[in-house]
Amino acid sequence: MAELKTKQTDASVNAFLRKVSDPKQRDDAMQVMKLLKKITGYAPKMWGGSIVGFGTYRYRYPSGREGEWFLTGLSPRKGYLMISIMCGFEQHGALMKKLGKFRAGKSCLYVKKLEDIDLQALGELVKLSVAQMKAIEKERMKA
């Protein structure tokens, strides 16, 4: 079985974020990092070379493969900020409508400018997602 390449590291989150070349994107990433830290209560940790993650959960696939991943996270990318909402968005339609201007993948929000989104709605979405992921982990580990 192939080993997951993206793992938690001891690299400095602040050093990583200071290297973001666009000052506005760097400030947005720092603001989201502070928000995620406040909501989760976890210190930010680097995952691989480009993701700032908060907390961890264990997962197990039906195939038996297991691993560890972050509960929520962010990554400044070229032209946007990616925010990981691991539980996905399907069950959060009302919050998604309040969120503002973004693109979404399966479990990621892509935000061009932080002022385009409602930070209170983002905070609530993160809070719900983290709680859901912890509940899912607890149930999976019982099985």
N, C-alpha and C. Protein backbone atom coordinates (compact mmCIF):
# COMPACT_ATOMS: atom_id res chain seq x y z
N MET A 1 0.83 -1.17 0.00
CA MET A 1 0.00 0.00 0.00
C MET A 1 0.88 1.24 0.00
N ALA A 2 0.58 2.22 -0.84
CA ALA A 2 1.37 3.44 -0.92
C ALA A 2 1.16 4.28 0.34
N GLU A 3 2.24 4.90 0.79
CA GLU A 3 2.17 5.75 1.97
C GLU A 3 1.74 7.16 1.57
N LEU A 4 0.92 7.79 2.39
CA LEU A 4 0.45 9.14 2.14
C LEU A 4 1.63 10.11 2.19
N LYS A 5 1.77 10.95 1.18
CA LYS A 5 2.89 11.88 1.10
C LYS A 5 2.71 13.09 2.00
N THR A 6 1.49 13.57 2.14
CA THR A 6 1.24 14.76 2.94
C THR A 6 1.05 14.35 4.40
N LYS A 7 2.03 14.72 5.22
CA LYS A 7 2.02 14.39 6.64
C LYS A 7 2.34 15.64 7.45
N GLN A 8 1.99 15.59 8.71
CA GLN A 8 2.33 16.68 9.61
C GLN A 8 3.84 16.76 9.75
N THR A 9 4.38 17.98 9.74
CA THR A 9 5.82 18.19 9.86
C THR A 9 6.10 19.15 11.02
N ASP A 10 7.38 19.34 11.30
CA ASP A 10 7.81 20.29 12.33
C ASP A 10 8.18 21.65 11.74
N ALA A 11 7.92 21.86 10.45
CA ALA A 11 8.26 23.12 9.80
C ALA A 11 7.47 24.27 10.44
N SER A 12 8.02 25.46 10.34
CA SER A 12 7.41 26.64 10.94
C SER A 12 6.25 27.17 10.09
N VAL A 13 5.08 27.25 10.70
CA VAL A 13 3.92 27.82 10.01
C VAL A 13 4.16 29.29 9.70
N ASN A 14 4.68 30.03 10.67
CA ASN A 14 4.91 31.47 10.45
C ASN A 14 5.91 31.71 9.33
N ALA A 15 6.97 30.92 9.28
CA ALA A 15 7.97 31.06 8.21
C ALA A 15 7.32 30.77 6.86
N PHE A 16 6.49 29.74 6.80
CA PHE A 16 5.79 29.40 5.56
C PHE A 16 4.90 30.56 5.12
N LEU A 17 4.09 31.08 6.03
CA LEU A 17 3.16 32.16 5.65
C LEU A 17 3.89 33.46 5.31
N ARG A 18 5.02 33.72 5.96
CA ARG A 18 5.80 34.93 5.62
C ARG A 18 6.33 34.88 4.19
N LYS A 19 6.45 33.67 3.63
CA LYS A 19 6.96 33.53 2.25
C LYS A 19 5.90 33.78 1.19
N VAL A 20 4.63 33.93 1.59
CA VAL A 20 3.57 34.22 0.61
C VAL A 20 3.87 35.59 0.02
N SER A 21 4.08 35.65 -1.29
CA SER A 21 4.59 36.87 -1.92
C SER A 21 3.57 38.01 -1.98
N ASP A 22 2.30 37.70 -2.15
CA ASP A 22 1.28 38.75 -2.22
C ASP A 22 0.91 39.20 -0.80
N PRO A 23 1.13 40.48 -0.46
CA PRO A 23 0.86 40.93 0.90
C PRO A 23 -0.60 40.76 1.34
N LYS A 24 -1.53 40.99 0.45
CA LYS A 24 -2.95 40.84 0.77
C LYS A 24 -3.28 39.38 1.05
N GLN A 25 -2.78 38.49 0.22
CA GLN A 25 -3.02 37.07 0.42
C GLN A 25 -2.35 36.59 1.70
N ARG A 26 -1.17 37.10 1.99
CA ARG A 26 -0.47 36.74 3.23
C ARG A 26 -1.30 37.18 4.44
N ASP A 27 -1.82 38.40 4.41
CA ASP A 27 -2.66 38.90 5.50
C ASP A 27 -3.94 38.08 5.64
N ASP A 28 -4.56 37.73 4.52
CA ASP A 28 -5.77 36.90 4.55
C ASP A 28 -5.47 35.54 5.18
N ALA A 29 -4.36 34.94 4.79
CA ALA A 29 -3.98 33.63 5.33
C ALA A 29 -3.73 33.73 6.83
N MET A 30 -3.07 34.78 7.27
CA MET A 30 -2.81 34.96 8.71
C MET A 30 -4.13 35.14 9.46
N GLN A 31 -5.06 35.88 8.89
CA GLN A 31 -6.35 36.11 9.54
C GLN A 31 -7.14 34.79 9.65
N VAL A 32 -7.15 34.01 8.59
CA VAL A 32 -7.85 32.72 8.62
C VAL A 32 -7.15 31.78 9.60
N MET A 33 -5.82 31.80 9.63
CA MET A 33 -5.10 30.96 10.57
C MET A 33 -5.53 31.29 12.01
N LYS A 34 -5.61 32.55 12.35
CA LYS A 34 -6.02 32.96 13.70
C LYS A 34 -7.45 32.52 13.99
N LEU A 35 -8.33 32.65 13.00
CA LEU A 35 -9.72 32.23 13.16
C LEU A 35 -9.81 30.72 13.42
N LEU A 36 -9.10 29.94 12.62
CA LEU A 36 -9.14 28.49 12.77
C LEU A 36 -8.55 28.06 14.12
N LYS A 37 -7.50 28.72 14.55
CA LYS A 37 -6.89 28.41 15.84
C LYS A 37 -7.88 28.70 16.97
N LYS A 38 -8.54 29.85 16.89
CA LYS A 38 -9.51 30.24 17.92
C LYS A 38 -10.68 29.25 17.98
N ILE A 39 -11.20 28.87 16.83
CA ILE A 39 -12.36 27.99 16.77
C ILE A 39 -12.01 26.57 17.22
N THR A 40 -10.89 26.05 16.74
CA THR A 40 -10.55 24.66 17.03
C THR A 40 -9.86 24.46 18.36
N GLY A 41 -9.13 25.47 18.81
CA GLY A 41 -8.33 25.33 20.01
C GLY A 41 -7.01 24.61 19.76
N TYR A 42 -6.72 24.28 18.51
CA TYR A 42 -5.48 23.59 18.15
C TYR A 42 -4.46 24.57 17.58
N ALA A 43 -3.20 24.31 17.87
CA ALA A 43 -2.13 25.10 17.27
C ALA A 43 -1.99 24.72 15.80
N PRO A 44 -1.66 25.68 14.95
CA PRO A 44 -1.45 25.36 13.53
C PRO A 44 -0.18 24.54 13.34
N LYS A 45 -0.25 23.57 12.45
CA LYS A 45 0.89 22.71 12.12
C LYS A 45 1.00 22.61 10.60
N MET A 46 2.22 22.50 10.12
CA MET A 46 2.42 22.31 8.69
C MET A 46 2.13 20.86 8.33
N TRP A 47 1.45 20.68 7.21
CA TRP A 47 1.20 19.37 6.63
C TRP A 47 1.81 19.42 5.24
N GLY A 48 2.84 18.62 5.04
CA GLY A 48 3.55 18.71 3.77
C GLY A 48 4.21 20.09 3.70
N GLY A 49 4.40 20.57 2.49
CA GLY A 49 5.08 21.84 2.31
C GLY A 49 4.18 23.04 2.12
N SER A 50 2.84 22.82 2.05
CA SER A 50 2.00 23.97 1.69
C SER A 50 0.64 24.03 2.37
N ILE A 51 0.38 23.18 3.37
CA ILE A 51 -0.92 23.20 4.04
C ILE A 51 -0.72 23.44 5.53
N VAL A 52 -1.51 24.36 6.08
CA VAL A 52 -1.52 24.61 7.51
C VAL A 52 -2.75 23.91 8.07
N GLY A 53 -2.55 22.91 8.91
CA GLY A 53 -3.66 22.13 9.44
C GLY A 53 -3.84 22.34 10.93
N PHE A 54 -5.05 22.02 11.39
CA PHE A 54 -5.42 22.18 12.80
C PHE A 54 -6.04 20.89 13.30
N GLY A 55 -5.48 20.34 14.37
CA GLY A 55 -6.00 19.11 14.93
C GLY A 55 -5.77 17.94 13.99
N THR A 56 -6.17 16.76 14.44
CA THR A 56 -6.05 15.57 13.61
C THR A 56 -7.23 14.64 13.86
N TYR A 57 -7.46 13.79 12.91
CA TYR A 57 -8.42 12.69 13.10
C TYR A 57 -7.87 11.47 12.39
N ARG A 58 -8.25 10.33 12.88
CA ARG A 58 -7.87 9.06 12.26
C ARG A 58 -9.01 8.61 11.37
N TYR A 59 -8.65 8.07 10.23
CA TYR A 59 -9.66 7.53 9.32
C TYR A 59 -9.32 6.10 8.97
N ARG A 60 -10.32 5.36 8.57
CA ARG A 60 -10.14 3.98 8.13
C ARG A 60 -11.10 3.75 6.97
N TYR A 61 -10.56 3.35 5.84
CA TYR A 61 -11.38 3.02 4.68
C TYR A 61 -11.87 1.58 4.78
N PRO A 62 -12.95 1.24 4.07
CA PRO A 62 -13.43 -0.15 4.07
C PRO A 62 -12.35 -1.15 3.64
N SER A 63 -11.38 -0.67 2.86
CA SER A 63 -10.28 -1.54 2.41
C SER A 63 -9.33 -1.91 3.54
N GLY A 64 -9.45 -1.19 4.66
CA GLY A 64 -8.56 -1.42 5.78
C GLY A 64 -7.46 -0.39 5.91
N ARG A 65 -7.28 0.41 4.86
CA ARG A 65 -6.26 1.46 4.90
C ARG A 65 -6.63 2.49 5.96
N GLU A 66 -5.65 2.88 6.76
CA GLU A 66 -5.86 3.86 7.81
C GLU A 66 -4.86 4.99 7.67
N GLY A 67 -5.19 6.12 8.26
CA GLY A 67 -4.27 7.24 8.24
C GLY A 67 -4.72 8.34 9.17
N GLU A 68 -3.97 9.42 9.12
CA GLU A 68 -4.26 10.58 9.95
C GLU A 68 -4.29 11.82 9.05
N TRP A 69 -5.20 12.72 9.34
CA TRP A 69 -5.36 13.94 8.54
C TRP A 69 -5.76 15.06 9.46
N PHE A 70 -5.71 16.27 8.99
CA PHE A 70 -6.08 17.43 9.81
C PHE A 70 -7.60 17.63 9.79
N LEU A 71 -8.14 18.21 10.87
CA LEU A 71 -9.58 18.46 10.97
C LEU A 71 -10.03 19.61 10.07
N THR A 72 -9.22 20.62 9.96
CA THR A 72 -9.48 21.76 9.08
C THR A 72 -8.14 22.39 8.77
N GLY A 73 -8.09 23.16 7.71
CA GLY A 73 -6.81 23.75 7.34
C GLY A 73 -6.94 24.80 6.27
N LEU A 74 -5.80 25.36 5.90
CA LEU A 74 -5.77 26.38 4.86
C LEU A 74 -4.47 26.27 4.08
N SER A 75 -4.51 26.80 2.89
CA SER A 75 -3.32 26.83 2.06
C SER A 75 -3.40 28.01 1.09
N PRO A 76 -2.46 28.94 1.20
CA PRO A 76 -2.43 30.03 0.23
C PRO A 76 -1.90 29.50 -1.10
N ARG A 77 -2.71 29.62 -2.12
CA ARG A 77 -2.32 29.16 -3.46
C ARG A 77 -2.26 30.37 -4.38
N LYS A 78 -1.75 30.20 -5.55
CA LYS A 78 -1.63 31.31 -6.48
C LYS A 78 -3.02 31.84 -6.86
N GLY A 79 -3.34 33.03 -6.39
CA GLY A 79 -4.59 33.68 -6.76
C GLY A 79 -5.78 33.38 -5.86
N TYR A 80 -5.62 32.50 -4.88
CA TYR A 80 -6.74 32.20 -3.98
C TYR A 80 -6.24 31.56 -2.69
N LEU A 81 -7.12 31.53 -1.72
CA LEU A 81 -6.86 30.86 -0.46
C LEU A 81 -7.76 29.64 -0.40
N MET A 82 -7.17 28.48 -0.15
CA MET A 82 -7.93 27.25 -0.03
C MET A 82 -8.17 26.99 1.46
N ILE A 83 -9.43 26.75 1.83
CA ILE A 83 -9.80 26.43 3.20
C ILE A 83 -10.47 25.07 3.20
N SER A 84 -9.92 24.14 3.98
CA SER A 84 -10.43 22.76 4.02
C SER A 84 -11.54 22.62 5.05
N ILE A 85 -12.68 22.16 4.59
CA ILE A 85 -13.84 21.85 5.43
C ILE A 85 -14.08 20.36 5.21
N MET A 86 -13.46 19.54 6.05
CA MET A 86 -13.36 18.12 5.77
C MET A 86 -14.69 17.37 5.68
N CYS A 87 -15.73 17.86 6.33
CA CYS A 87 -17.02 17.14 6.28
C CYS A 87 -17.77 17.41 4.98
N GLY A 88 -17.28 18.36 4.18
CA GLY A 88 -17.99 18.72 2.96
C GLY A 88 -19.07 19.75 3.22
N PHE A 89 -19.91 19.98 2.23
CA PHE A 89 -20.85 21.10 2.30
C PHE A 89 -22.32 20.73 2.15
N GLU A 90 -22.61 19.51 1.75
CA GLU A 90 -23.98 19.11 1.42
C GLU A 90 -24.99 19.43 2.52
N GLN A 91 -24.62 19.17 3.76
CA GLN A 91 -25.56 19.36 4.86
C GLN A 91 -25.56 20.79 5.41
N HIS A 92 -24.83 21.69 4.78
CA HIS A 92 -24.71 23.06 5.28
C HIS A 92 -25.20 24.10 4.27
N GLY A 93 -26.28 23.80 3.60
CA GLY A 93 -26.79 24.69 2.55
C GLY A 93 -27.07 26.10 3.01
N ALA A 94 -27.70 26.26 4.18
CA ALA A 94 -28.04 27.60 4.68
C ALA A 94 -26.78 28.41 4.96
N LEU A 95 -25.78 27.78 5.56
CA LEU A 95 -24.53 28.49 5.83
C LEU A 95 -23.80 28.84 4.54
N MET A 96 -23.86 27.95 3.58
CA MET A 96 -23.18 28.19 2.31
C MET A 96 -23.79 29.41 1.60
N LYS A 97 -25.10 29.58 1.74
CA LYS A 97 -25.76 30.73 1.13
C LYS A 97 -25.31 32.04 1.78
N LYS A 98 -25.01 31.99 3.07
CA LYS A 98 -24.56 33.17 3.81
C LYS A 98 -23.09 33.48 3.56
N LEU A 99 -22.34 32.49 3.11
CA LEU A 99 -20.88 32.59 3.07
C LEU A 99 -20.35 33.70 2.16
N GLY A 100 -20.97 33.90 1.02
CA GLY A 100 -20.48 34.95 0.12
C GLY A 100 -19.93 34.40 -1.18
N LYS A 101 -18.86 35.02 -1.66
CA LYS A 101 -18.30 34.70 -2.97
C LYS A 101 -17.13 33.73 -2.83
N PHE A 102 -17.27 32.54 -3.41
CA PHE A 102 -16.26 31.48 -3.31
C PHE A 102 -16.55 30.44 -4.38
N ARG A 103 -15.60 29.55 -4.57
CA ARG A 103 -15.81 28.32 -5.33
C ARG A 103 -15.65 27.19 -4.33
N ALA A 104 -16.27 26.06 -4.60
CA ALA A 104 -16.15 24.93 -3.68
C ALA A 104 -15.84 23.65 -4.44
N GLY A 105 -14.99 22.84 -3.85
CA GLY A 105 -14.73 21.49 -4.30
C GLY A 105 -15.45 20.56 -3.35
N LYS A 106 -15.02 19.31 -3.30
CA LYS A 106 -15.67 18.34 -2.43
C LYS A 106 -15.57 18.73 -0.95
N SER A 107 -14.38 19.17 -0.53
CA SER A 107 -14.21 19.56 0.87
C SER A 107 -13.34 20.82 1.01
N CYS A 108 -13.24 21.59 -0.06
CA CYS A 108 -12.42 22.80 -0.03
C CYS A 108 -13.17 24.01 -0.53
N LEU A 109 -12.96 25.12 0.16
CA LEU A 109 -13.44 26.42 -0.30
C LEU A 109 -12.27 27.12 -0.97
N TYR A 110 -12.53 27.78 -2.06
CA TYR A 110 -11.51 28.55 -2.75
C TYR A 110 -11.97 30.00 -2.74
N VAL A 111 -11.21 30.85 -2.03
CA VAL A 111 -11.59 32.25 -1.80
C VAL A 111 -10.52 33.15 -2.39
N LYS A 112 -10.93 34.08 -3.26
CA LYS A 112 -9.96 35.01 -3.85
C LYS A 112 -9.57 36.10 -2.86
N LYS A 113 -10.57 36.69 -2.19
CA LYS A 113 -10.31 37.73 -1.21
C LYS A 113 -11.16 37.46 0.03
N LEU A 114 -10.56 37.58 1.18
CA LEU A 114 -11.26 37.27 2.41
C LEU A 114 -12.47 38.18 2.63
N GLU A 115 -12.40 39.41 2.15
CA GLU A 115 -13.55 40.32 2.31
C GLU A 115 -14.75 39.89 1.46
N ASP A 116 -14.56 38.92 0.58
CA ASP A 116 -15.67 38.40 -0.22
C ASP A 116 -16.56 37.42 0.54
N ILE A 117 -16.09 37.00 1.73
CA ILE A 117 -16.89 36.01 2.48
C ILE A 117 -17.25 36.54 3.87
N ASP A 118 -18.28 35.96 4.43
CA ASP A 118 -18.75 36.28 5.78
C ASP A 118 -17.95 35.42 6.76
N LEU A 119 -17.10 36.06 7.54
CA LEU A 119 -16.22 35.32 8.46
C LEU A 119 -17.00 34.62 9.57
N GLN A 120 -18.13 35.18 9.96
CA GLN A 120 -18.95 34.52 10.98
C GLN A 120 -19.51 33.21 10.42
N ALA A 121 -19.98 33.23 9.18
CA ALA A 121 -20.49 32.02 8.55
C ALA A 121 -19.36 31.01 8.37
N LEU A 122 -18.17 31.47 7.98
CA LEU A 122 -17.02 30.58 7.84
C LEU A 122 -16.70 29.93 9.19
N GLY A 123 -16.68 30.73 10.24
CA GLY A 123 -16.39 30.21 11.56
C GLY A 123 -17.39 29.15 12.00
N GLU A 124 -18.66 29.38 11.73
CA GLU A 124 -19.69 28.41 12.09
C GLU A 124 -19.52 27.13 11.27
N LEU A 125 -19.20 27.27 10.01
CA LEU A 125 -18.99 26.11 9.13
C LEU A 125 -17.81 25.27 9.65
N VAL A 126 -16.73 25.92 10.02
CA VAL A 126 -15.56 25.21 10.55
C VAL A 126 -15.92 24.51 11.85
N LYS A 127 -16.61 25.20 12.72
CA LYS A 127 -17.01 24.62 14.02
C LYS A 127 -17.84 23.36 13.83
N LEU A 128 -18.82 23.43 12.94
CA LEU A 128 -19.68 22.27 12.67
C LEU A 128 -18.89 21.13 12.03
N SER A 129 -18.02 21.47 11.10
CA SER A 129 -17.23 20.45 10.42
C SER A 129 -16.31 19.72 11.39
N VAL A 130 -15.62 20.47 12.25
CA VAL A 130 -14.71 19.84 13.21
C VAL A 130 -15.49 18.91 14.13
N ALA A 131 -16.63 19.35 14.62
CA ALA A 131 -17.46 18.50 15.50
C ALA A 131 -17.90 17.25 14.76
N GLN A 132 -18.30 17.40 13.51
CA GLN A 132 -18.75 16.25 12.73
C GLN A 132 -17.61 15.28 12.47
N MET A 133 -16.44 15.79 12.15
CA MET A 133 -15.30 14.90 11.88
C MET A 133 -14.89 14.15 13.14
N LYS A 134 -14.95 14.79 14.28
CA LYS A 134 -14.62 14.10 15.54
C LYS A 134 -15.64 12.99 15.82
N ALA A 135 -16.92 13.27 15.55
CA ALA A 135 -17.97 12.26 15.76
C ALA A 135 -17.79 11.09 14.80
N ILE A 136 -17.46 11.38 13.56
CA ILE A 136 -17.24 10.33 12.55
C ILE A 136 -16.05 9.46 12.96
N GLU A 137 -14.97 10.11 13.40
CA GLU A 137 -13.78 9.38 13.83
C GLU A 137 -14.12 8.46 14.99
N LYS A 138 -14.86 8.95 15.94
CA LYS A 138 -15.22 8.15 17.11
C LYS A 138 -16.02 6.90 16.69
N GLU A 139 -16.97 7.09 15.78
CA GLU A 139 -17.77 5.97 15.30
C GLU A 139 -16.93 4.98 14.49
N ARG A 140 -16.07 5.48 13.64
CA ARG A 140 -15.22 4.60 12.81
C ARG A 140 -14.28 3.77 13.66
N MET A 141 -13.75 4.37 14.70
CA MET A 141 -12.78 3.66 15.51
C MET A 141 -13.45 2.61 16.41
N LYS A 142 -14.75 2.73 16.62
CA LYS A 142 -15.48 1.70 17.37
C LYS A 142 -15.61 0.42 16.56
N ALA A 143 -15.76 0.60 15.25
CA ALA A 143 -16.01 -0.54 14.35
C ALA A 143 -14.81 -1.44 14.20
